[in-house]
Amino acid sequence: MREDAMTDEDFLRHLDDYGASPERWPPELRAAAGAALARSPALRTALEDAQSFDRLLAAPAPPVEDARVDRLLAAVGKAARRSPQDSLVMLLLGRMPRRTVAGFCAALLALGWLTGGWLSGQLTGPAPTAPRSQELALLNDEVVTLFDGDSR
């Protein structure tokens, strides 16, 4: 075989690149492609397959009946309704009744509202208390006494 002769792999690659029509092939490749076709029946079969594929692509698309489209859409919709739709809540919490999920979401919403109000200062937290063993007692306006809870 000559060095400039086209191998079967080269021909198949060029067939994929340029198609089955010889006019689309670069002029420098056409002669080598003709020689490769003359010596290989497998390449002739590959060229015929590519030509029939090109004819299919060039032909107008067959019309599609509306009833067929309706049947296809109905079948897809029916299959989609049969299979469970996993939402983010289901992925995070697993499968649980809708009422439980709704209650959980309401509790999270209330917790977020309370926490946000407390952090922004609109709601006050629990009042600080003195330690249980010591309490301050105001005996009059000027004297503050420490009262520890024991009666004397």
N, C-alpha and C. Protein backbone atom coordinates (compact mmCIF):
# COMPACT_ATOMS: atom_id res chain seq x y z
N MET A 1 0.85 -1.17 0.00
CA MET A 1 0.00 0.00 0.00
C MET A 1 0.90 1.23 0.00
N ARG A 2 0.49 2.24 -0.77
CA ARG A 2 1.28 3.47 -0.83
C ARG A 2 1.07 4.27 0.45
N GLU A 3 2.04 5.16 0.76
CA GLU A 3 1.97 5.96 1.96
C GLU A 3 0.85 6.99 1.90
N ASP A 4 0.58 7.51 0.70
CA ASP A 4 -0.46 8.55 0.59
C ASP A 4 -1.85 7.95 0.39
N ALA A 5 -1.96 6.60 0.38
CA ALA A 5 -3.27 5.96 0.23
C ALA A 5 -4.07 6.14 1.51
N MET A 6 -5.36 6.28 1.36
CA MET A 6 -6.26 6.51 2.51
C MET A 6 -6.60 5.17 3.15
N THR A 7 -6.47 5.12 4.48
CA THR A 7 -6.84 3.90 5.21
C THR A 7 -8.36 3.89 5.40
N ASP A 8 -8.86 2.74 5.80
CA ASP A 8 -10.30 2.62 6.04
C ASP A 8 -10.73 3.55 7.18
N GLU A 9 -9.93 3.63 8.23
CA GLU A 9 -10.27 4.52 9.35
C GLU A 9 -10.30 5.97 8.92
N ASP A 10 -9.33 6.37 8.07
CA ASP A 10 -9.31 7.75 7.56
C ASP A 10 -10.56 8.03 6.73
N PHE A 11 -10.92 7.07 5.86
CA PHE A 11 -12.10 7.27 5.02
C PHE A 11 -13.36 7.43 5.88
N LEU A 12 -13.51 6.56 6.87
CA LEU A 12 -14.71 6.63 7.74
C LEU A 12 -14.75 7.94 8.53
N ARG A 13 -13.58 8.41 8.97
CA ARG A 13 -13.53 9.69 9.69
C ARG A 13 -13.92 10.84 8.76
N HIS A 14 -13.39 10.83 7.52
CA HIS A 14 -13.74 11.88 6.56
C HIS A 14 -15.20 11.77 6.14
N LEU A 15 -15.72 10.56 6.08
CA LEU A 15 -17.13 10.38 5.77
C LEU A 15 -18.00 11.01 6.85
N ASP A 16 -17.61 10.84 8.10
CA ASP A 16 -18.33 11.49 9.21
C ASP A 16 -18.18 13.01 9.16
N ASP A 17 -16.98 13.47 8.79
CA ASP A 17 -16.72 14.91 8.79
C ASP A 17 -17.43 15.63 7.64
N TYR A 18 -17.35 15.06 6.43
CA TYR A 18 -17.82 15.77 5.23
C TYR A 18 -19.13 15.24 4.65
N GLY A 19 -19.58 14.09 5.08
CA GLY A 19 -20.83 13.54 4.58
C GLY A 19 -20.61 12.65 3.38
N ALA A 20 -21.73 12.18 2.82
CA ALA A 20 -21.66 11.19 1.74
C ALA A 20 -21.53 11.82 0.36
N SER A 21 -21.75 13.09 0.25
CA SER A 21 -21.67 13.75 -1.05
C SER A 21 -20.21 14.09 -1.38
N PRO A 22 -19.68 13.61 -2.51
CA PRO A 22 -18.27 13.87 -2.84
C PRO A 22 -17.98 15.36 -3.08
N GLU A 23 -18.99 16.15 -3.42
CA GLU A 23 -18.76 17.58 -3.64
C GLU A 23 -18.36 18.31 -2.37
N ARG A 24 -18.74 17.78 -1.22
CA ARG A 24 -18.41 18.44 0.04
C ARG A 24 -17.01 18.07 0.54
N TRP A 25 -16.42 17.06 -0.05
CA TRP A 25 -15.08 16.64 0.37
C TRP A 25 -14.04 17.60 -0.24
N PRO A 26 -12.94 17.86 0.46
CA PRO A 26 -11.87 18.67 -0.14
C PRO A 26 -11.31 17.99 -1.39
N PRO A 27 -10.95 18.76 -2.40
CA PRO A 27 -10.47 18.15 -3.66
C PRO A 27 -9.26 17.24 -3.48
N GLU A 28 -8.37 17.57 -2.54
CA GLU A 28 -7.18 16.74 -2.35
C GLU A 28 -7.49 15.37 -1.75
N LEU A 29 -8.70 15.18 -1.17
CA LEU A 29 -9.06 13.89 -0.58
C LEU A 29 -9.91 13.03 -1.52
N ARG A 30 -10.48 13.62 -2.53
CA ARG A 30 -11.44 12.88 -3.39
C ARG A 30 -10.79 11.71 -4.12
N ALA A 31 -9.60 11.90 -4.69
CA ALA A 31 -8.94 10.82 -5.45
C ALA A 31 -8.59 9.65 -4.53
N ALA A 32 -8.05 9.95 -3.34
CA ALA A 32 -7.69 8.89 -2.40
C ALA A 32 -8.94 8.18 -1.90
N ALA A 33 -10.04 8.93 -1.74
CA ALA A 33 -11.29 8.31 -1.30
C ALA A 33 -11.83 7.38 -2.38
N GLY A 34 -11.72 7.79 -3.65
CA GLY A 34 -12.16 6.92 -4.75
C GLY A 34 -11.36 5.64 -4.80
N ALA A 35 -10.06 5.72 -4.58
CA ALA A 35 -9.22 4.52 -4.58
C ALA A 35 -9.58 3.62 -3.41
N ALA A 36 -9.86 4.21 -2.26
CA ALA A 36 -10.23 3.41 -1.09
C ALA A 36 -11.57 2.72 -1.32
N LEU A 37 -12.50 3.40 -1.96
CA LEU A 37 -13.79 2.79 -2.26
C LEU A 37 -13.64 1.64 -3.27
N ALA A 38 -12.74 1.77 -4.22
CA ALA A 38 -12.56 0.74 -5.24
C ALA A 38 -12.01 -0.54 -4.64
N ARG A 39 -11.21 -0.45 -3.58
CA ARG A 39 -10.60 -1.66 -3.04
C ARG A 39 -11.38 -2.28 -1.87
N SER A 40 -12.37 -1.55 -1.25
CA SER A 40 -13.01 -2.07 -0.05
C SER A 40 -14.52 -2.10 -0.17
N PRO A 41 -15.12 -3.29 -0.15
CA PRO A 41 -16.58 -3.38 -0.16
C PRO A 41 -17.21 -2.84 1.13
N ALA A 42 -16.50 -2.94 2.25
CA ALA A 42 -17.03 -2.43 3.52
C ALA A 42 -17.18 -0.91 3.46
N LEU A 43 -16.23 -0.24 2.80
CA LEU A 43 -16.33 1.21 2.68
C LEU A 43 -17.48 1.60 1.74
N ARG A 44 -17.70 0.80 0.69
CA ARG A 44 -18.84 1.08 -0.20
C ARG A 44 -20.16 0.94 0.56
N THR A 45 -20.25 -0.06 1.43
CA THR A 45 -21.45 -0.24 2.25
C THR A 45 -21.63 0.94 3.21
N ALA A 46 -20.54 1.39 3.81
CA ALA A 46 -20.61 2.55 4.72
C ALA A 46 -21.04 3.80 3.97
N LEU A 47 -20.55 3.97 2.74
CA LEU A 47 -20.95 5.13 1.92
C LEU A 47 -22.43 5.06 1.56
N GLU A 48 -22.92 3.87 1.20
CA GLU A 48 -24.35 3.72 0.87
C GLU A 48 -25.22 4.02 2.10
N ASP A 49 -24.80 3.57 3.27
CA ASP A 49 -25.55 3.87 4.50
C ASP A 49 -25.57 5.38 4.76
N ALA A 50 -24.43 6.03 4.56
CA ALA A 50 -24.37 7.48 4.78
C ALA A 50 -25.24 8.21 3.76
N GLN A 51 -25.27 7.73 2.52
CA GLN A 51 -26.11 8.36 1.50
C GLN A 51 -27.60 8.20 1.82
N SER A 52 -27.99 7.03 2.31
CA SER A 52 -29.41 6.84 2.67
C SER A 52 -29.77 7.70 3.88
N PHE A 53 -28.84 7.88 4.81
CA PHE A 53 -29.08 8.77 5.95
C PHE A 53 -29.22 10.22 5.49
N ASP A 54 -28.37 10.64 4.56
CA ASP A 54 -28.47 12.00 4.02
C ASP A 54 -29.81 12.21 3.31
N ARG A 55 -30.30 11.18 2.60
CA ARG A 55 -31.61 11.29 1.93
C ARG A 55 -32.73 11.44 2.96
N LEU A 56 -32.63 10.70 4.08
CA LEU A 56 -33.63 10.84 5.13
C LEU A 56 -33.63 12.25 5.73
N LEU A 57 -32.45 12.81 5.92
CA LEU A 57 -32.35 14.15 6.48
C LEU A 57 -32.86 15.22 5.50
N ALA A 58 -32.68 14.97 4.22
CA ALA A 58 -33.09 15.96 3.22
C ALA A 58 -34.59 15.91 2.96
N ALA A 59 -35.23 14.79 3.23
CA ALA A 59 -36.67 14.65 2.97
C ALA A 59 -37.46 15.46 4.00
N PRO A 60 -38.63 15.95 3.60
CA PRO A 60 -39.46 16.68 4.58
C PRO A 60 -39.96 15.73 5.67
N ALA A 61 -40.15 16.29 6.85
CA ALA A 61 -40.61 15.49 7.97
C ALA A 61 -42.06 15.07 7.73
N PRO A 62 -42.39 13.82 8.06
CA PRO A 62 -43.77 13.38 7.88
C PRO A 62 -44.70 14.12 8.85
N PRO A 63 -45.93 14.37 8.42
CA PRO A 63 -46.86 15.07 9.32
C PRO A 63 -47.22 14.20 10.52
N VAL A 64 -47.43 14.85 11.65
CA VAL A 64 -47.79 14.14 12.88
C VAL A 64 -49.25 14.45 13.17
N GLU A 65 -50.02 13.41 13.41
CA GLU A 65 -51.45 13.59 13.68
C GLU A 65 -51.65 14.18 15.07
N ASP A 66 -52.64 15.06 15.19
CA ASP A 66 -52.94 15.68 16.49
C ASP A 66 -53.39 14.63 17.51
N ALA A 67 -54.12 13.61 17.05
CA ALA A 67 -54.59 12.58 17.97
C ALA A 67 -53.40 11.81 18.56
N ARG A 68 -52.37 11.61 17.75
CA ARG A 68 -51.19 10.90 18.25
C ARG A 68 -50.47 11.74 19.31
N VAL A 69 -50.37 13.04 19.08
CA VAL A 69 -49.75 13.93 20.07
C VAL A 69 -50.57 13.94 21.35
N ASP A 70 -51.90 13.99 21.22
CA ASP A 70 -52.77 13.98 22.40
C ASP A 70 -52.61 12.69 23.21
N ARG A 71 -52.52 11.55 22.52
CA ARG A 71 -52.32 10.27 23.21
C ARG A 71 -50.98 10.25 23.94
N LEU A 72 -49.96 10.77 23.30
CA LEU A 72 -48.64 10.79 23.91
C LEU A 72 -48.64 11.69 25.16
N LEU A 73 -49.23 12.87 25.06
CA LEU A 73 -49.27 13.77 26.21
C LEU A 73 -50.10 13.19 27.35
N ALA A 74 -51.20 12.51 27.02
CA ALA A 74 -52.02 11.89 28.06
C ALA A 74 -51.26 10.77 28.76
N ALA A 75 -50.50 9.99 28.01
CA ALA A 75 -49.73 8.90 28.61
C ALA A 75 -48.62 9.46 29.51
N VAL A 76 -47.98 10.53 29.08
CA VAL A 76 -46.93 11.13 29.91
C VAL A 76 -47.53 11.71 31.19
N GLY A 77 -48.67 12.40 31.08
CA GLY A 77 -49.32 12.95 32.26
C GLY A 77 -49.76 11.87 33.23
N LYS A 78 -50.29 10.78 32.71
CA LYS A 78 -50.72 9.67 33.56
C LYS A 78 -49.53 9.05 34.29
N ALA A 79 -48.42 8.88 33.59
CA ALA A 79 -47.22 8.32 34.22
C ALA A 79 -46.66 9.27 35.28
N ALA A 80 -46.74 10.57 35.02
CA ALA A 80 -46.22 11.54 35.99
C ALA A 80 -47.09 11.57 37.24
N ARG A 81 -48.40 11.40 37.10
CA ARG A 81 -49.27 11.39 38.28
C ARG A 81 -49.10 10.12 39.10
N ARG A 82 -48.73 9.02 38.47
CA ARG A 82 -48.53 7.77 39.19
C ARG A 82 -47.27 7.78 40.03
N SER A 83 -46.22 8.40 39.53
CA SER A 83 -44.96 8.39 40.27
C SER A 83 -44.96 9.52 41.30
N PRO A 84 -44.47 9.25 42.51
CA PRO A 84 -44.47 10.28 43.55
C PRO A 84 -43.49 11.39 43.19
N GLN A 85 -43.91 12.61 43.47
CA GLN A 85 -43.07 13.77 43.20
C GLN A 85 -42.36 14.15 44.50
N ASP A 86 -41.07 14.01 44.52
CA ASP A 86 -40.29 14.33 45.72
C ASP A 86 -40.01 15.82 45.75
N SER A 87 -40.47 16.46 46.81
CA SER A 87 -40.20 17.88 46.98
C SER A 87 -39.03 18.04 47.93
N LEU A 88 -38.62 19.26 48.15
CA LEU A 88 -37.51 19.53 49.05
C LEU A 88 -37.84 19.07 50.47
N VAL A 89 -39.10 19.29 50.90
CA VAL A 89 -39.50 18.88 52.24
C VAL A 89 -39.40 17.37 52.37
N MET A 90 -39.82 16.64 51.34
CA MET A 90 -39.75 15.17 51.40
C MET A 90 -38.31 14.69 51.41
N LEU A 91 -37.45 15.39 50.68
CA LEU A 91 -36.06 14.98 50.68
C LEU A 91 -35.41 15.23 52.04
N LEU A 92 -35.81 16.33 52.72
CA LEU A 92 -35.22 16.65 54.01
C LEU A 92 -35.83 15.86 55.16
N LEU A 93 -37.16 15.72 55.17
CA LEU A 93 -37.86 15.12 56.30
C LEU A 93 -38.33 13.69 56.06
N GLY A 94 -38.30 13.25 54.85
CA GLY A 94 -38.81 11.93 54.54
C GLY A 94 -40.32 11.99 54.30
N ARG A 95 -40.93 10.85 54.10
CA ARG A 95 -42.36 10.82 53.81
C ARG A 95 -43.13 10.89 55.12
N MET A 96 -44.02 11.87 55.22
CA MET A 96 -44.88 12.02 56.39
C MET A 96 -46.19 12.65 55.93
N PRO A 97 -47.24 12.52 56.74
CA PRO A 97 -48.53 13.09 56.34
C PRO A 97 -48.45 14.59 56.14
N ARG A 98 -49.31 15.10 55.28
CA ARG A 98 -49.30 16.52 54.95
C ARG A 98 -49.60 17.39 56.17
N ARG A 99 -50.49 16.93 57.05
CA ARG A 99 -50.80 17.73 58.24
C ARG A 99 -49.58 17.87 59.13
N THR A 100 -48.80 16.83 59.25
CA THR A 100 -47.59 16.88 60.07
C THR A 100 -46.59 17.87 59.46
N VAL A 101 -46.43 17.81 58.16
CA VAL A 101 -45.52 18.73 57.48
C VAL A 101 -46.00 20.16 57.64
N ALA A 102 -47.32 20.39 57.51
CA ALA A 102 -47.86 21.74 57.65
C ALA A 102 -47.65 22.25 59.08
N GLY A 103 -47.87 21.41 60.08
CA GLY A 103 -47.64 21.80 61.46
C GLY A 103 -46.18 22.12 61.73
N PHE A 104 -45.31 21.31 61.18
CA PHE A 104 -43.87 21.53 61.34
C PHE A 104 -43.46 22.86 60.71
N CYS A 105 -43.98 23.14 59.52
CA CYS A 105 -43.65 24.40 58.85
C CYS A 105 -44.20 25.59 59.63
N ALA A 106 -45.41 25.47 60.18
CA ALA A 106 -45.99 26.56 60.98
C ALA A 106 -45.17 26.80 62.24
N ALA A 107 -44.71 25.72 62.87
CA ALA A 107 -43.88 25.86 64.07
C ALA A 107 -42.56 26.54 63.74
N LEU A 108 -41.95 26.18 62.63
CA LEU A 108 -40.71 26.83 62.23
C LEU A 108 -40.93 28.30 61.92
N LEU A 109 -42.05 28.63 61.29
CA LEU A 109 -42.37 30.02 60.99
C LEU A 109 -42.55 30.82 62.27
N ALA A 110 -43.29 30.28 63.24
CA ALA A 110 -43.50 30.98 64.52
C ALA A 110 -42.18 31.14 65.26
N LEU A 111 -41.36 30.13 65.27
CA LEU A 111 -40.06 30.21 65.93
C LEU A 111 -39.20 31.28 65.29
N GLY A 112 -39.20 31.34 63.97
CA GLY A 112 -38.44 32.37 63.28
C GLY A 112 -38.95 33.76 63.57
N TRP A 113 -40.27 33.92 63.65
CA TRP A 113 -40.87 35.22 63.96
C TRP A 113 -40.49 35.66 65.37
N LEU A 114 -40.60 34.76 66.33
CA LEU A 114 -40.25 35.10 67.71
C LEU A 114 -38.76 35.41 67.85
N THR A 115 -37.93 34.62 67.24
CA THR A 115 -36.49 34.84 67.33
C THR A 115 -36.11 36.16 66.66
N GLY A 116 -36.69 36.45 65.52
CA GLY A 116 -36.40 37.70 64.84
C GLY A 116 -36.85 38.90 65.64
N GLY A 117 -38.03 38.83 66.27
CA GLY A 117 -38.50 39.92 67.11
C GLY A 117 -37.64 40.12 68.34
N TRP A 118 -37.20 39.03 68.92
CA TRP A 118 -36.36 39.13 70.11
C TRP A 118 -35.00 39.73 69.76
N LEU A 119 -34.44 39.31 68.61
CA LEU A 119 -33.13 39.83 68.21
C LEU A 119 -33.19 41.29 67.82
N SER A 120 -34.30 41.73 67.25
CA SER A 120 -34.39 43.13 66.84
C SER A 120 -34.80 44.04 67.99
N GLY A 121 -35.13 43.49 69.14
CA GLY A 121 -35.45 44.29 70.31
C GLY A 121 -36.91 44.62 70.45
N GLN A 122 -37.77 44.15 69.57
CA GLN A 122 -39.20 44.42 69.68
C GLN A 122 -39.83 43.58 70.78
N LEU A 123 -39.33 42.40 70.98
CA LEU A 123 -39.80 41.56 72.07
C LEU A 123 -38.71 41.50 73.13
N THR A 124 -39.11 41.55 74.37
CA THR A 124 -38.12 41.47 75.44
C THR A 124 -38.00 40.04 75.89
N GLY A 125 -36.81 39.70 76.27
CA GLY A 125 -36.56 38.36 76.79
C GLY A 125 -36.99 38.29 78.24
N PRO A 126 -36.77 37.19 78.89
CA PRO A 126 -37.13 37.08 80.31
C PRO A 126 -36.34 38.09 81.13
N ALA A 127 -36.99 38.68 82.12
CA ALA A 127 -36.34 39.69 82.96
C ALA A 127 -35.26 39.03 83.79
N PRO A 128 -34.11 39.68 83.90
CA PRO A 128 -33.05 39.09 84.73
C PRO A 128 -33.47 39.09 86.19
N THR A 129 -33.22 38.02 86.86
CA THR A 129 -33.58 37.88 88.28
C THR A 129 -32.33 37.78 89.11
N ALA A 130 -32.44 38.22 90.33
CA ALA A 130 -31.32 38.12 91.25
C ALA A 130 -31.18 36.67 91.67
N PRO A 131 -30.02 36.31 92.12
CA PRO A 131 -29.87 34.93 92.60
C PRO A 131 -30.89 34.63 93.69
N ARG A 132 -31.30 33.41 93.78
CA ARG A 132 -32.39 33.01 94.68
C ARG A 132 -32.05 33.25 96.15
N SER A 133 -30.80 33.14 96.51
CA SER A 133 -30.45 33.27 97.92
C SER A 133 -30.35 34.72 98.38
N GLN A 134 -30.27 35.65 97.46
CA GLN A 134 -30.16 37.06 97.85
C GLN A 134 -31.18 37.87 97.08
N GLU A 135 -31.99 38.63 97.76
CA GLU A 135 -32.94 39.51 97.13
C GLU A 135 -32.81 40.88 97.74
N LEU A 136 -33.03 41.88 96.93
CA LEU A 136 -32.96 43.24 97.43
C LEU A 136 -34.33 43.67 97.90
N ALA A 137 -34.37 44.31 99.04
CA ALA A 137 -35.64 44.81 99.56
C ALA A 137 -35.50 46.29 99.81
N LEU A 138 -36.44 47.04 99.37
CA LEU A 138 -36.43 48.47 99.58
C LEU A 138 -37.29 48.78 100.80
N LEU A 139 -36.63 49.15 101.89
CA LEU A 139 -37.36 49.42 103.11
C LEU A 139 -37.97 50.82 103.08
N ASN A 140 -37.27 51.75 102.60
CA ASN A 140 -37.81 53.08 102.36
C ASN A 140 -37.07 53.67 101.18
N ASP A 141 -37.29 54.90 100.86
CA ASP A 141 -36.71 55.49 99.66
C ASP A 141 -35.20 55.65 99.74
N GLU A 142 -34.62 55.67 100.91
CA GLU A 142 -33.21 55.96 101.02
C GLU A 142 -32.37 54.74 101.42
N VAL A 143 -32.97 53.70 101.98
CA VAL A 143 -32.20 52.59 102.50
C VAL A 143 -32.52 51.34 101.69
N VAL A 144 -31.48 50.74 101.14
CA VAL A 144 -31.63 49.47 100.42
C VAL A 144 -31.00 48.40 101.29
N THR A 145 -31.72 47.34 101.60
CA THR A 145 -31.24 46.31 102.49
C THR A 145 -31.18 44.99 101.71
N LEU A 146 -30.21 44.17 102.08
CA LEU A 146 -30.08 42.84 101.47
C LEU A 146 -30.90 41.87 102.27
N PHE A 147 -31.86 41.21 101.63
CA PHE A 147 -32.74 40.26 102.31
C PHE A 147 -32.44 38.89 101.76
N ASP A 148 -32.03 37.96 102.63
CA ASP A 148 -31.65 36.63 102.17
C ASP A 148 -32.76 35.60 102.29
N GLY A 149 -33.94 35.98 102.72
CA GLY A 149 -35.07 35.07 102.78
C GLY A 149 -35.27 34.44 104.12
N ASP A 150 -34.33 34.53 105.05
CA ASP A 150 -34.51 33.95 106.38
C ASP A 150 -35.28 34.92 107.26
N SER A 151 -36.22 34.41 108.01
CA SER A 151 -36.92 35.28 108.94
C SER A 151 -36.10 35.40 110.20
N ARG A 152 -35.99 36.59 110.82
CA ARG A 152 -35.21 36.79 112.02
C ARG A 152 -36.05 37.37 113.08
